Amino acid sequence: MKITINVDCTPEEARAFMGLPDVRPMQDAVMAQMTSRLESAMKAMDPETVLRQWFTGAGWEQMQKFWSMSNMGEKAK
């Protein structure tokens, strides 16, 4: 003898029926924190930010002058 039972319910209803906790708030908090960390890491990889860290003070100004002079030379061609 074979008996088949089909249950039509949402995941939330099944979780409540089985007595499992709702972890969505925790997942949302973790995802928000991961997003924040990823965004800050991407900002740190911004080329201008990296170069500012490498060339602080006068070194940065000299690099900007060099780039502006090299761009002018390319435009004149």
C-alpha atoms as a PDB file:
ATOM      1  CA  MET A   1       0.000   0.000   0.000  1.00  0.00           C
ATOM      2  CA  LYS A   2       1.299   3.429  -0.961  1.00  0.00           C
ATOM      3  CA  ILE A   3       0.029   6.776   0.314  1.00  0.00           C
ATOM      4  CA  THR A   4       1.051  10.117  -1.177  1.00  0.00           C
ATOM      5  CA  ILE A   5       0.404  13.393   0.582  1.00  0.00           C
ATOM      6  CA  ASN A   6       0.955  16.699  -1.198  1.00  0.00           C
ATOM      7  CA  VAL A   7       1.350  19.776   0.956  1.00  0.00           C
ATOM      8  CA  ASP A   8       1.007  23.184  -0.654  1.00  0.00           C
ATOM      9  CA  CYS A   9       2.580  25.858   1.565  1.00  0.00           C
ATOM     10  CA  THR A  10       5.068  28.665   1.437  1.00  0.00           C
ATOM     11  CA  PRO A  11       8.582  28.295   2.880  1.00  0.00           C
ATOM     12  CA  GLU A  12       7.565  30.555   5.777  1.00  0.00           C
ATOM     13  CA  GLU A  13       4.575  28.335   6.579  1.00  0.00           C
ATOM     14  CA  ALA A  14       6.724  25.181   6.414  1.00  0.00           C
ATOM     15  CA  ARG A  15       9.358  26.737   8.684  1.00  0.00           C
ATOM     16  CA  ALA A  16       6.720  27.726  11.253  1.00  0.00           C
ATOM     17  CA  PHE A  17       5.084  24.279  11.073  1.00  0.00           C
ATOM     18  CA  MET A  18       8.423  22.539  11.733  1.00  0.00           C
ATOM     19  CA  GLY A  19       9.320  24.974  14.524  1.00  0.00           C
ATOM     20  CA  LEU A  20      12.402  26.376  12.800  1.00  0.00           C
ATOM     21  CA  PRO A  21      13.476  29.963  13.546  1.00  0.00           C
ATOM     22  CA  ASP A  22      13.105  32.775  11.035  1.00  0.00           C
ATOM     23  CA  VAL A  23      16.679  33.739  10.136  1.00  0.00           C
ATOM     24  CA  ARG A  24      15.796  36.407   7.557  1.00  0.00           C
ATOM     25  CA  PRO A  25      16.615  39.374   9.867  1.00  0.00           C
ATOM     26  CA  MET A  26      20.035  37.870  10.564  1.00  0.00           C
ATOM     27  CA  GLN A  27      20.637  37.229   6.859  1.00  0.00           C
ATOM     28  CA  ASP A  28      19.631  40.811   6.020  1.00  0.00           C
ATOM     29  CA  ALA A  29      22.017  42.193   8.655  1.00  0.00           C
ATOM     30  CA  VAL A  30      24.900  40.038   7.402  1.00  0.00           C
ATOM     31  CA  MET A  31      24.244  41.006   3.786  1.00  0.00           C
ATOM     32  CA  ALA A  32      24.143  44.708   4.713  1.00  0.00           C
ATOM     33  CA  GLN A  33      27.468  44.376   6.531  1.00  0.00           C
ATOM     34  CA  MET A  34      29.037  42.464   3.619  1.00  0.00           C
ATOM     35  CA  THR A  35      27.781  45.101   1.177  1.00  0.00           C
ATOM     36  CA  SER A  36      29.269  47.859   3.318  1.00  0.00           C
ATOM     37  CA  ARG A  37      32.631  46.097   3.513  1.00  0.00           C
ATOM     38  CA  LEU A  38      32.660  45.421  -0.224  1.00  0.00           C
ATOM     39  CA  GLU A  39      31.888  49.057  -1.008  1.00  0.00           C
ATOM     40  CA  SER A  40      34.662  50.287   1.286  1.00  0.00           C
ATOM     41  CA  ALA A  41      37.103  47.813  -0.280  1.00  0.00           C
ATOM     42  CA  MET A  42      36.127  49.005  -3.764  1.00  0.00           C
ATOM     43  CA  LYS A  43      36.704  52.639  -2.715  1.00  0.00           C
ATOM     44  CA  ALA A  44      40.142  51.685  -1.427  1.00  0.00           C
ATOM     45  CA  MET A  45      40.947  50.214  -4.843  1.00  0.00           C
ATOM     46  CA  ASP A  46      40.028  53.442  -6.634  1.00  0.00           C
ATOM     47  CA  PRO A  47      43.148  54.378  -8.663  1.00  0.00           C
ATOM     48  CA  GLU A  48      43.143  57.972  -7.434  1.00  0.00           C
ATOM     49  CA  THR A  49      42.905  56.873  -3.785  1.00  0.00           C
ATOM     50  CA  VAL A  50      45.729  54.349  -4.210  1.00  0.00           C
ATOM     51  CA  LEU A  51      47.988  56.916  -5.871  1.00  0.00           C
ATOM     52  CA  ARG A  52      47.189  59.495  -3.176  1.00  0.00           C
ATOM     53  CA  GLN A  53      48.359  56.988  -0.575  1.00  0.00           C
ATOM     54  CA  TRP A  54      51.561  56.280  -2.504  1.00  0.00           C
ATOM     55  CA  PHE A  55      52.383  59.884  -3.371  1.00  0.00           C
ATOM     56  CA  THR A  56      51.511  62.064  -0.411  1.00  0.00           C
ATOM     57  CA  GLY A  57      52.101  65.811  -0.334  1.00  0.00           C
ATOM     58  CA  ALA A  58      54.418  67.246  -3.000  1.00  0.00           C
ATOM     59  CA  GLY A  59      54.851  63.892  -4.714  1.00  0.00           C
ATOM     60  CA  TRP A  60      51.140  63.822  -5.578  1.00  0.00           C
ATOM     61  CA  GLU A  61      51.227  67.350  -6.989  1.00  0.00           C
ATOM     62  CA  GLN A  62      54.265  66.499  -9.113  1.00  0.00           C
ATOM     63  CA  MET A  63      52.471  63.423 -10.503  1.00  0.00           C
ATOM     64  CA  GLN A  64      49.442  65.548 -11.398  1.00  0.00           C
ATOM     65  CA  LYS A  65      51.673  68.054 -13.227  1.00  0.00           C
ATOM     66  CA  PHE A  66      53.387  65.226 -15.087  1.00  0.00           C
ATOM     67  CA  TRP A  67      50.046  63.732 -16.160  1.00  0.00           C
ATOM     68  CA  SER A  68      48.655  67.078 -17.272  1.00  0.00           C
ATOM     69  CA  MET A  69      51.813  67.789 -19.300  1.00  0.00           C
ATOM     70  CA  SER A  70      51.763  64.328 -20.895  1.00  0.00           C
ATOM     71  CA  ASN A  71      48.074  64.714 -21.818  1.00  0.00           C
ATOM     72  CA  MET A  72      48.763  68.085 -23.447  1.00  0.00           C
ATOM     73  CA  GLY A  73      51.528  66.518 -25.500  1.00  0.00           C
ATOM     74  CA  GLU A  74      49.170  63.832 -26.769  1.00  0.00           C
ATOM     75  CA  LYS A  75      46.489  66.377 -27.710  1.00  0.00           C
ATOM     76  CA  ALA A  76      48.963  68.401 -29.763  1.00  0.00           C
ATOM     77  CA  LYS A  77      49.729  65.421 -32.037  1.00  0.00           C
END
